[in-house]
Amino acid sequence: MSRLRVLWPEEVDAAGGVALEEPAVIPFGDNLEASSRGQVFNVIERARALYDNRCCPSCSYPVVEPIELADGFRNRKGQVIPGTATLVGFRCRGCRSEWAT
């Protein structure tokens, strides 16, 4: 686990060293573990849905594309991060049929 270190101007001496005898550690462990567990579950659920719907149920065509909402997270350049948008269904590239997840 990484540690976040915050220094106040009064705690730094003239040479730039830290004058604290005992560093203060802020415990972020409980909050991060709970949120990361939810994200891992979402990733597993999404992967399972992609795997279960890899073939068209109508024509058994093996090329299926996911249908996603436009709510995905964006990086600093404004591009959507793959796998972060809400998965709502699938579309067959052979017969063009669509179905929900």
PDB file of N, CA and C in Angstrom:
ATOM      1  N   MET A   1       0.842  -1.169   0.000  1.00  0.00           N
ATOM      2  CA  MET A   1       0.000   0.000   0.000  1.00  0.00           C
ATOM      3  C   MET A   1       0.892   1.239   0.000  1.00  0.00           C
ATOM      4  N   SER A   2       0.562   2.212  -0.834  1.00  0.00           N
ATOM      5  CA  SER A   2       1.359   3.432  -0.900  1.00  0.00           C
ATOM      6  C   SER A   2       0.915   4.398   0.198  1.00  0.00           C
ATOM      7  N   ARG A   3       1.780   5.323   0.499  1.00  0.00           N
ATOM      8  CA  ARG A   3       1.488   6.291   1.553  1.00  0.00           C
ATOM      9  C   ARG A   3       1.489   7.689   0.957  1.00  0.00           C
ATOM     10  N   LEU A   4       0.514   8.479   1.356  1.00  0.00           N
ATOM     11  CA  LEU A   4       0.417   9.867   0.939  1.00  0.00           C
ATOM     12  C   LEU A   4       1.071  10.720   2.012  1.00  0.00           C
ATOM     13  N   ARG A   5       2.007  11.559   1.605  1.00  0.00           N
ATOM     14  CA  ARG A   5       2.728  12.370   2.564  1.00  0.00           C
ATOM     15  C   ARG A   5       2.405  13.833   2.290  1.00  0.00           C
ATOM     16  N   VAL A   6       1.919  14.542   3.279  1.00  0.00           N
ATOM     17  CA  VAL A   6       1.564  15.951   3.155  1.00  0.00           C
ATOM     18  C   VAL A   6       2.481  16.753   4.065  1.00  0.00           C
ATOM     19  N   LEU A   7       3.122  17.759   3.494  1.00  0.00           N
ATOM     20  CA  LEU A   7       4.024  18.615   4.271  1.00  0.00           C
ATOM     21  C   LEU A   7       3.474  20.028   4.298  1.00  0.00           C
ATOM     22  N   TRP A   8       3.472  20.629   5.470  1.00  0.00           N
ATOM     23  CA  TRP A   8       3.068  22.013   5.614  1.00  0.00           C
ATOM     24  C   TRP A   8       4.329  22.876   5.632  1.00  0.00           C
ATOM     25  N   PRO A   9       4.242  24.131   5.199  1.00  0.00           N
ATOM     26  CA  PRO A   9       5.442  24.991   5.171  1.00  0.00           C
ATOM     27  C   PRO A   9       6.116  25.131   6.529  1.00  0.00           C
ATOM     28  N   GLU A  10       5.355  25.073   7.625  1.00  0.00           N
ATOM     29  CA  GLU A  10       5.956  25.213   8.957  1.00  0.00           C
ATOM     30  C   GLU A  10       6.774  23.976   9.332  1.00  0.00           C
ATOM     31  N   GLU A  11       6.523  22.845   8.689  1.00  0.00           N
ATOM     32  CA  GLU A  11       7.186  21.596   9.054  1.00  0.00           C
ATOM     33  C   GLU A  11       8.487  21.368   8.289  1.00  0.00           C
ATOM     34  N   VAL A  12       8.805  22.244   7.338  1.00  0.00           N
ATOM     35  CA  VAL A  12      10.024  22.096   6.538  1.00  0.00           C
ATOM     36  C   VAL A  12      11.049  23.095   7.047  1.00  0.00           C
ATOM     37  N   ASP A  13      12.258  22.603   7.313  1.00  0.00           N
ATOM     38  CA  ASP A  13      13.288  23.504   7.804  1.00  0.00           C
ATOM     39  C   ASP A  13      13.939  24.258   6.650  1.00  0.00           C
ATOM     40  N   ALA A  14      14.887  25.121   6.949  1.00  0.00           N
ATOM     41  CA  ALA A  14      15.530  25.971   5.937  1.00  0.00           C
ATOM     42  C   ALA A  14      16.283  25.154   4.894  1.00  0.00           C
ATOM     43  N   ALA A  15      16.812  24.017   5.249  1.00  0.00           N
ATOM     44  CA  ALA A  15      17.573  23.194   4.307  1.00  0.00           C
ATOM     45  C   ALA A  15      16.661  22.361   3.411  1.00  0.00           C
ATOM     46  N   GLY A  16      15.346  22.427   3.629  1.00  0.00           N
ATOM     47  CA  GLY A  16      14.404  21.670   2.807  1.00  0.00           C
ATOM     48  C   GLY A  16      14.065  20.311   3.372  1.00  0.00           C
ATOM     49  N   GLY A  17      14.616  19.992   4.534  1.00  0.00           N
ATOM     50  CA  GLY A  17      14.321  18.709   5.166  1.00  0.00           C
ATOM     51  C   GLY A  17      13.053  18.782   5.997  1.00  0.00           C
ATOM     52  N   VAL A  18      12.517  17.650   6.279  1.00  0.00           N
ATOM     53  CA  VAL A  18      11.296  17.582   7.074  1.00  0.00           C
ATOM     54  C   VAL A  18      11.659  17.608   8.549  1.00  0.00           C
ATOM     55  N   ALA A  19      10.986  18.486   9.300  1.00  0.00           N
ATOM     56  CA  ALA A  19      11.272  18.642  10.719  1.00  0.00           C
ATOM     57  C   ALA A  19      10.401  17.731  11.589  1.00  0.00           C
ATOM     58  N   LEU A  20       9.525  16.970  10.986  1.00  0.00           N
ATOM     59  CA  LEU A  20       8.670  16.071  11.764  1.00  0.00           C
ATOM     60  C   LEU A  20       9.487  14.908  12.326  1.00  0.00           C
ATOM     61  N   GLU A  21       9.263  14.587  13.587  1.00  0.00           N
ATOM     62  CA  GLU A  21       9.925  13.423  14.161  1.00  0.00           C
ATOM     63  C   GLU A  21       9.159  12.156  13.813  1.00  0.00           C
ATOM     64  N   GLU A  22       7.836  12.257  13.775  1.00  0.00           N
ATOM     65  CA  GLU A  22       6.999  11.096  13.532  1.00  0.00           C
ATOM     66  C   GLU A  22       6.016  11.419  12.394  1.00  0.00           C
ATOM     67  N   PRO A  23       6.133  10.781  11.245  1.00  0.00           N
ATOM     68  CA  PRO A  23       5.220  11.104  10.140  1.00  0.00           C
ATOM     69  C   PRO A  23       3.802  10.613  10.433  1.00  0.00           C
ATOM     70  N   ALA A  24       2.840  11.391  10.010  1.00  0.00           N
ATOM     71  CA  ALA A  24       1.439  11.027  10.198  1.00  0.00           C
ATOM     72  C   ALA A  24       0.986  10.210   8.981  1.00  0.00           C
ATOM     73  N   VAL A  25       0.374   9.062   9.216  1.00  0.00           N
ATOM     74  CA  VAL A  25      -0.100   8.189   8.151  1.00  0.00           C
ATOM     75  C   VAL A  25      -1.618   8.200   8.156  1.00  0.00           C
ATOM     76  N   ILE A  26      -2.192   8.508   7.002  1.00  0.00           N
ATOM     77  CA  ILE A  26      -3.647   8.534   6.884  1.00  0.00           C
ATOM     78  C   ILE A  26      -4.091   7.188   6.319  1.00  0.00           C
ATOM     79  N   PRO A  27      -4.944   6.427   7.027  1.00  0.00           N
ATOM     80  CA  PRO A  27      -5.365   5.119   6.527  1.00  0.00           C
ATOM     81  C   PRO A  27      -6.470   5.246   5.473  1.00  0.00           C
ATOM     82  N   PHE A  28      -6.140   4.909   4.220  1.00  0.00           N
ATOM     83  CA  PHE A  28      -7.119   4.903   3.148  1.00  0.00           C
ATOM     84  C   PHE A  28      -7.585   3.492   2.839  1.00  0.00           C
ATOM     85  N   GLY A  29      -7.061   2.492   3.501  1.00  0.00           N
ATOM     86  CA  GLY A  29      -7.302   1.090   3.183  1.00  0.00           C
ATOM     87  C   GLY A  29      -8.758   0.673   3.116  1.00  0.00           C
ATOM     88  N   ASP A  30      -9.572   1.045   4.106  1.00  0.00           N
ATOM     89  CA  ASP A  30     -10.963   0.596   4.135  1.00  0.00           C
ATOM     90  C   ASP A  30     -11.771   1.134   2.967  1.00  0.00           C
ATOM     91  N   ASN A  31     -11.616   2.407   2.652  1.00  0.00           N
ATOM     92  CA  ASN A  31     -12.389   3.012   1.569  1.00  0.00           C
ATOM     93  C   ASN A  31     -11.972   2.468   0.205  1.00  0.00           C
ATOM     94  N   LEU A  32     -10.694   2.327  -0.032  1.00  0.00           N
ATOM     95  CA  LEU A  32     -10.221   1.861  -1.332  1.00  0.00           C
ATOM     96  C   LEU A  32     -10.577   0.402  -1.575  1.00  0.00           C
ATOM     97  N   GLU A  33     -10.503  -0.412  -0.547  1.00  0.00           N
ATOM     98  CA  GLU A  33     -10.806  -1.828  -0.734  1.00  0.00           C
ATOM     99  C   GLU A  33     -12.268  -2.040  -1.107  1.00  0.00           C
ATOM    100  N   ALA A  34     -13.159  -1.304  -0.475  1.00  0.00           N
ATOM    101  CA  ALA A  34     -14.585  -1.455  -0.771  1.00  0.00           C
ATOM    102  C   ALA A  34     -14.902  -1.005  -2.189  1.00  0.00           C
ATOM    103  N   SER A  35     -14.318   0.111  -2.637  1.00  0.00           N
ATOM    104  CA  SER A  35     -14.608   0.598  -3.978  1.00  0.00           C
ATOM    105  C   SER A  35     -13.950  -0.278  -5.036  1.00  0.00           C
ATOM    106  N   SER A  36     -12.758  -0.780  -4.782  1.00  0.00           N
ATOM    107  CA  SER A  36     -12.103  -1.625  -5.784  1.00  0.00           C
ATOM    108  C   SER A  36     -12.790  -2.981  -5.902  1.00  0.00           C
ATOM    109  N   ARG A  37     -13.379  -3.481  -4.803  1.00  0.00           N
ATOM    110  CA  ARG A  37     -14.135  -4.735  -4.889  1.00  0.00           C
ATOM    111  C   ARG A  37     -15.318  -4.580  -5.830  1.00  0.00           C
ATOM    112  N   GLY A  38     -16.005  -3.453  -5.763  1.00  0.00           N
ATOM    113  CA  GLY A  38     -17.138  -3.194  -6.651  1.00  0.00           C
ATOM    114  C   GLY A  38     -16.702  -3.096  -8.098  1.00  0.00           C
ATOM    115  N   GLN A  39     -15.548  -2.482  -8.347  1.00  0.00           N
ATOM    116  CA  GLN A  39     -15.044  -2.359  -9.715  1.00  0.00           C
ATOM    117  C   GLN A  39     -14.633  -3.711 -10.268  1.00  0.00           C
ATOM    118  N   VAL A  40     -14.024  -4.542  -9.457  1.00  0.00           N
ATOM    119  CA  VAL A  40     -13.630  -5.873  -9.911  1.00  0.00           C
ATOM    120  C   VAL A  40     -14.857  -6.696 -10.250  1.00  0.00           C
ATOM    121  N   PHE A  41     -15.917  -6.580  -9.426  1.00  0.00           N
ATOM    122  CA  PHE A  41     -17.138  -7.312  -9.700  1.00  0.00           C
ATOM    123  C   PHE A  41     -17.744  -6.855 -11.022  1.00  0.00           C
ATOM    124  N   ASN A  42     -17.742  -5.534 -11.299  1.00  0.00           N
ATOM    125  CA  ASN A  42     -18.272  -5.024 -12.558  1.00  0.00           C
ATOM    126  C   ASN A  42     -17.472  -5.525 -13.749  1.00  0.00           C
ATOM    127  N   VAL A  43     -16.173  -5.609 -13.620  1.00  0.00           N
ATOM    128  CA  VAL A  43     -15.323  -6.100 -14.703  1.00  0.00           C
ATOM    129  C   VAL A  43     -15.617  -7.572 -14.969  1.00  0.00           C
ATOM    130  N   ILE A  44     -15.777  -8.353 -13.918  1.00  0.00           N
ATOM    131  CA  ILE A  44     -16.072  -9.777 -14.082  1.00  0.00           C
ATOM    132  C   ILE A  44     -17.449  -9.966 -14.707  1.00  0.00           C
ATOM    133  N   GLU A  45     -18.420  -9.194 -14.248  1.00  0.00           N
ATOM    134  CA  GLU A  45     -19.780  -9.287 -14.794  1.00  0.00           C
ATOM    135  C   GLU A  45     -19.798  -8.908 -16.278  1.00  0.00           C
ATOM    136  N   ARG A  46     -19.056  -7.877 -16.645  1.00  0.00           N
ATOM    137  CA  ARG A  46     -18.982  -7.438 -18.043  1.00  0.00           C
ATOM    138  C   ARG A  46     -18.296  -8.502 -18.902  1.00  0.00           C
ATOM    139  N   ALA A  47     -17.212  -9.059 -18.407  1.00  0.00           N
ATOM    140  CA  ALA A  47     -16.499 -10.102 -19.155  1.00  0.00           C
ATOM    141  C   ALA A  47     -17.375 -11.335 -19.351  1.00  0.00           C
ATOM    142  N   ARG A  48     -18.153 -11.688 -18.337  1.00  0.00           N
ATOM    143  CA  ARG A  48     -19.049 -12.833 -18.445  1.00  0.00           C
ATOM    144  C   ARG A  48     -20.131 -12.571 -19.494  1.00  0.00           C
ATOM    145  N   ALA A  49     -20.677 -11.348 -19.530  1.00  0.00           N
ATOM    146  CA  ALA A  49     -21.698 -10.996 -20.520  1.00  0.00           C
ATOM    147  C   ALA A  49     -21.114 -11.034 -21.933  1.00  0.00           C
ATOM    148  N   LEU A  50     -19.897 -10.537 -22.107  1.00  0.00           N
ATOM    149  CA  LEU A  50     -19.248 -10.580 -23.428  1.00  0.00           C
ATOM    150  C   LEU A  50     -18.992 -12.017 -23.864  1.00  0.00           C
ATOM    151  N   TYR A  51     -18.590 -12.859 -22.934  1.00  0.00           N
ATOM    152  CA  TYR A  51     -18.318 -14.255 -23.262  1.00  0.00           C
ATOM    153  C   TYR A  51     -19.607 -15.011 -23.602  1.00  0.00           C
ATOM    154  N   ASP A  52     -20.648 -14.784 -22.814  1.00  0.00           N
ATOM    155  CA  ASP A  52     -21.917 -15.486 -23.044  1.00  0.00           C
ATOM    156  C   ASP A  52     -22.585 -15.081 -24.354  1.00  0.00           C
ATOM    157  N   ASN A  53     -22.313 -13.878 -24.843  1.00  0.00           N
ATOM    158  CA  ASN A  53     -22.954 -13.375 -26.054  1.00  0.00           C
ATOM    159  C   ASN A  53     -21.963 -13.240 -27.204  1.00  0.00           C
ATOM    160  N   ARG A  54     -21.015 -14.139 -27.317  1.00  0.00           N
ATOM    161  CA  ARG A  54     -20.008 -14.057 -28.371  1.00  0.00           C
ATOM    162  C   ARG A  54     -20.509 -14.548 -29.721  1.00  0.00           C
ATOM    163  N   CYS A  55     -21.653 -15.236 -29.769  1.00  0.00           N
ATOM    164  CA  CYS A  55     -22.267 -15.705 -31.020  1.00  0.00           C
ATOM    165  C   CYS A  55     -23.713 -15.231 -31.060  1.00  0.00           C
ATOM    166  N   CYS A  56     -24.222 -14.989 -32.269  1.00  0.00           N
ATOM    167  CA  CYS A  56     -25.597 -14.536 -32.446  1.00  0.00           C
ATOM    168  C   CYS A  56     -26.567 -15.672 -32.113  1.00  0.00           C
ATOM    169  N   PRO A  57     -27.589 -15.415 -31.287  1.00  0.00           N
ATOM    170  CA  PRO A  57     -28.550 -16.467 -30.976  1.00  0.00           C
ATOM    171  C   PRO A  57     -29.478 -16.796 -32.151  1.00  0.00           C
ATOM    172  N   SER A  58     -29.596 -15.883 -33.125  1.00  0.00           N
ATOM    173  CA  SER A  58     -30.485 -16.114 -34.270  1.00  0.00           C
ATOM    174  C   SER A  58     -29.822 -16.944 -35.367  1.00  0.00           C
ATOM    175  N   CYS A  59     -28.603 -16.526 -35.765  1.00  0.00           N
ATOM    176  CA  CYS A  59     -27.962 -17.182 -36.910  1.00  0.00           C
ATOM    177  C   CYS A  59     -26.639 -17.854 -36.561  1.00  0.00           C
ATOM    178  N   SER A  60     -26.208 -17.789 -35.305  1.00  0.00           N
ATOM    179  CA  SER A  60     -24.940 -18.369 -34.819  1.00  0.00           C
ATOM    180  C   SER A  60     -23.707 -17.771 -35.489  1.00  0.00           C
ATOM    181  N   TYR A  61     -23.835 -16.560 -36.005  1.00  0.00           N
ATOM    182  CA  TYR A  61     -22.687 -15.873 -36.606  1.00  0.00           C
ATOM    183  C   TYR A  61     -21.697 -15.506 -35.495  1.00  0.00           C
ATOM    184  N   PRO A  62     -20.395 -15.746 -35.699  1.00  0.00           N
ATOM    185  CA  PRO A  62     -19.432 -15.563 -34.606  1.00  0.00           C
ATOM    186  C   PRO A  62     -18.933 -14.134 -34.375  1.00  0.00           C
ATOM    187  N   VAL A  63     -19.376 -13.171 -35.184  1.00  0.00           N
ATOM    188  CA  VAL A  63     -18.902 -11.800 -35.005  1.00  0.00           C
ATOM    189  C   VAL A  63     -20.046 -10.951 -34.457  1.00  0.00           C
ATOM    190  N   VAL A  64     -19.917 -10.579 -33.190  1.00  0.00           N
ATOM    191  CA  VAL A  64     -20.942  -9.815 -32.483  1.00  0.00           C
ATOM    192  C   VAL A  64     -20.269  -8.584 -31.887  1.00  0.00           C
ATOM    193  N   GLU A  65     -20.916  -7.436 -32.001  1.00  0.00           N
ATOM    194  CA  GLU A  65     -20.354  -6.219 -31.411  1.00  0.00           C
ATOM    195  C   GLU A  65     -21.238  -5.747 -30.256  1.00  0.00           C
ATOM    196  N   PRO A  66     -20.628  -5.288 -29.178  1.00  0.00           N
ATOM    197  CA  PRO A  66     -21.412  -4.811 -28.035  1.00  0.00           C
ATOM    198  C   PRO A  66     -22.031  -3.449 -28.331  1.00  0.00           C
ATOM    199  N   ILE A  67     -23.202  -3.199 -27.768  1.00  0.00           N
ATOM    200  CA  ILE A  67     -23.857  -1.895 -27.843  1.00  0.00           C
ATOM    201  C   ILE A  67     -23.703  -1.255 -26.476  1.00  0.00           C
ATOM    202  N   GLU A  68     -23.074  -0.078 -26.454  1.00  0.00           N
ATOM    203  CA  GLU A  68     -22.787   0.607 -25.194  1.00  0.00           C
ATOM    204  C   GLU A  68     -23.408   1.995 -25.180  1.00  0.00           C
ATOM    205  N   LEU A  69     -23.720   2.470 -23.987  1.00  0.00           N
ATOM    206  CA  LEU A  69     -24.184   3.845 -23.828  1.00  0.00           C
ATOM    207  C   LEU A  69     -22.984   4.787 -23.933  1.00  0.00           C
ATOM    208  N   ALA A  70     -23.251   6.063 -24.099  1.00  0.00           N
ATOM    209  CA  ALA A  70     -22.170   7.052 -24.216  1.00  0.00           C
ATOM    210  C   ALA A  70     -21.799   7.620 -22.848  1.00  0.00           C
ATOM    211  N   ASP A  71     -21.752   6.758 -21.819  1.00  0.00           N
ATOM    212  CA  ASP A  71     -21.446   7.223 -20.468  1.00  0.00           C
ATOM    213  C   ASP A  71     -20.103   6.733 -19.950  1.00  0.00           C
ATOM    214  N   GLY A  72     -19.216   6.333 -20.835  1.00  0.00           N
ATOM    215  CA  GLY A  72     -17.915   5.822 -20.416  1.00  0.00           C
ATOM    216  C   GLY A  72     -17.022   6.911 -19.854  1.00  0.00           C
ATOM    217  N   PHE A  73     -16.068   6.515 -19.027  1.00  0.00           N
ATOM    218  CA  PHE A  73     -15.106   7.462 -18.477  1.00  0.00           C
ATOM    219  C   PHE A  73     -14.168   7.918 -19.588  1.00  0.00           C
ATOM    220  N   ARG A  74     -13.711   9.157 -19.469  1.00  0.00           N
ATOM    221  CA  ARG A  74     -12.816   9.724 -20.484  1.00  0.00           C
ATOM    222  C   ARG A  74     -11.451  10.013 -19.866  1.00  0.00           C
ATOM    223  N   ASN A  75     -10.417   9.839 -20.685  1.00  0.00           N
ATOM    224  CA  ASN A  75      -9.066  10.138 -20.214  1.00  0.00           C
ATOM    225  C   ASN A  75      -8.782  11.631 -20.383  1.00  0.00           C
ATOM    226  N   ARG A  76      -7.566  12.039 -20.133  1.00  0.00           N
ATOM    227  CA  ARG A  76      -7.218  13.457 -20.213  1.00  0.00           C
ATOM    228  C   ARG A  76      -7.348  14.029 -21.618  1.00  0.00           C
ATOM    229  N   LYS A  77      -7.265  13.193 -22.629  1.00  0.00           N
ATOM    230  CA  LYS A  77      -7.382  13.663 -24.010  1.00  0.00           C
ATOM    231  C   LYS A  77      -8.829  13.669 -24.498  1.00  0.00           C
ATOM    232  N   GLY A  78      -9.763  13.256 -23.642  1.00  0.00           N
ATOM    233  CA  GLY A  78     -11.170  13.260 -24.009  1.00  0.00           C
ATOM    234  C   GLY A  78     -11.629  11.994 -24.714  1.00  0.00           C
ATOM    235  N   GLN A  79     -10.783  10.982 -24.785  1.00  0.00           N
ATOM    236  CA  GLN A  79     -11.152   9.727 -25.428  1.00  0.00           C
ATOM    237  C   GLN A  79     -11.777   8.789 -24.397  1.00  0.00           C
ATOM    238  N   VAL A  80     -12.766   8.007 -24.862  1.00  0.00           N
ATOM    239  CA  VAL A  80     -13.431   7.066 -23.968  1.00  0.00           C
ATOM    240  C   VAL A  80     -12.482   5.921 -23.623  1.00  0.00           C
ATOM    241  N   ILE A  81     -12.414   5.575 -22.356  1.00  0.00           N
ATOM    242  CA  ILE A  81     -11.583   4.462 -21.905  1.00  0.00           C
ATOM    243  C   ILE A  81     -12.343   3.177 -22.202  1.00  0.00           C
ATOM    244  N   PRO A  82     -11.753   2.253 -22.951  1.00  0.00           N
ATOM    245  CA  PRO A  82     -12.454   1.022 -23.326  1.00  0.00           C
ATOM    246  C   PRO A  82     -12.900   0.217 -22.106  1.00  0.00           C
ATOM    247  N   GLY A  83     -14.128  -0.303 -22.176  1.00  0.00           N
ATOM    248  CA  GLY A  83     -14.654  -1.139 -21.112  1.00  0.00           C
ATOM    249  C   GLY A  83     -15.296  -0.392 -19.964  1.00  0.00           C
ATOM    250  N   THR A  84     -15.400   0.952 -20.043  1.00  0.00           N
ATOM    251  CA  THR A  84     -15.994   1.706 -18.942  1.00  0.00           C
ATOM    252  C   THR A  84     -17.429   2.134 -19.222  1.00  0.00           C
ATOM    253  N   ALA A  85     -17.897   2.018 -20.451  1.00  0.00           N
ATOM    254  CA  ALA A  85     -19.272   2.403 -20.785  1.00  0.00           C
ATOM    255  C   ALA A  85     -20.234   1.294 -20.364  1.00  0.00           C
ATOM    256  N   THR A  86     -21.490   1.668 -20.148  1.00  0.00           N
ATOM    257  CA  THR A  86     -22.510   0.708 -19.749  1.00  0.00           C
ATOM    258  C   THR A  86     -22.890  -0.171 -20.929  1.00  0.00           C
ATOM    259  N   LEU A  87     -22.838  -1.469 -20.725  1.00  0.00           N
ATOM    260  CA  LEU A  87     -23.158  -2.449 -21.762  1.00  0.00           C
ATOM    261  C   LEU A  87     -24.659  -2.706 -21.722  1.00  0.00           C
ATOM    262  N   VAL A  88     -25.363  -2.417 -22.845  1.00  0.00           N
ATOM    263  CA  VAL A  88     -26.824  -2.578 -22.858  1.00  0.00           C
ATOM    264  C   VAL A  88     -27.299  -3.685 -23.790  1.00  0.00           C
ATOM    265  N   GLY A  89     -26.472  -4.128 -24.707  1.00  0.00           N
ATOM    266  CA  GLY A  89     -26.903  -5.186 -25.618  1.00  0.00           C
ATOM    267  C   GLY A  89     -25.813  -5.551 -26.615  1.00  0.00           C
ATOM    268  N   PHE A  90     -26.230  -6.325 -27.627  1.00  0.00           N
ATOM    269  CA  PHE A  90     -25.289  -6.797 -28.644  1.00  0.00           C
ATOM    270  C   PHE A  90     -25.951  -6.728 -30.017  1.00  0.00           C
ATOM    271  N   ARG A  91     -25.128  -6.608 -31.067  1.00  0.00           N
ATOM    272  CA  ARG A  91     -25.594  -6.573 -32.446  1.00  0.00           C
ATOM    273  C   ARG A  91     -24.789  -7.569 -33.270  1.00  0.00           C
ATOM    274  N   CYS A  92     -25.500  -8.395 -34.045  1.00  0.00           N
ATOM    275  CA  CYS A  92     -24.844  -9.367 -34.912  1.00  0.00           C
ATOM    276  C   CYS A  92     -24.395  -8.665 -36.183  1.00  0.00           C
ATOM    277  N   ARG A  93     -23.188  -8.938 -36.626  1.00  0.00           N
ATOM    278  CA  ARG A  93     -22.692  -8.328 -37.848  1.00  0.00           C
ATOM    279  C   ARG A  93     -23.117  -9.114 -39.083  1.00  0.00           C
ATOM    280  N   GLY A  94     -23.687 -10.305 -38.876  1.00  0.00           N
ATOM    281  CA  GLY A  94     -24.152 -11.089 -40.000  1.00  0.00           C
ATOM    282  C   GLY A  94     -25.583 -10.758 -40.376  1.00  0.00           C
ATOM    283  N   CYS A  95     -26.530 -10.994 -39.445  1.00  0.00           N
ATOM    284  CA  CYS A  95     -27.957 -10.777 -39.735  1.00  0.00           C
ATOM    285  C   CYS A  95     -28.456  -9.443 -39.188  1.00  0.00           C
ATOM    286  N   ARG A  96     -27.599  -8.653 -38.506  1.00  0.00           N
ATOM    287  CA  ARG A  96     -27.913  -7.336 -37.960  1.00  0.00           C
ATOM    288  C   ARG A  96     -28.990  -7.370 -36.864  1.00  0.00           C
ATOM    289  N   SER A  97     -29.253  -8.504 -36.271  1.00  0.00           N
ATOM    290  CA  SER A  97     -30.229  -8.577 -35.176  1.00  0.00           C
ATOM    291  C   SER A  97     -29.584  -8.044 -33.897  1.00  0.00           C
ATOM    292  N   GLU A  98     -30.409  -7.543 -32.986  1.00  0.00           N
ATOM    293  CA  GLU A  98     -29.941  -6.982 -31.726  1.00  0.00           C
ATOM    294  C   GLU A  98     -30.666  -7.665 -30.573  1.00  0.00           C
ATOM    295  N   TRP A  99     -29.989  -7.783 -29.448  1.00  0.00           N
ATOM    296  CA  TRP A  99     -30.593  -8.347 -28.245  1.00  0.00           C
ATOM    297  C   TRP A  99     -29.971  -7.721 -27.021  1.00  0.00           C
ATOM    298  N   ALA A 100     -30.735  -7.727 -25.931  1.00  0.00           N
ATOM    299  CA  ALA A 100     -30.286  -7.127 -24.677  1.00  0.00           C
ATOM    300  C   ALA A 100     -29.391  -8.078 -23.926  1.00  0.00           C
ATOM    301  N   THR A 101     -28.654  -7.548 -22.952  1.00  0.00           N
ATOM    302  CA  THR A 101     -27.760  -8.377 -22.145  1.00  0.00           C
ATOM    303  C   THR A 101     -28.524  -9.232 -21.173  1.00  0.00           C
TER     304      THR A 101
END
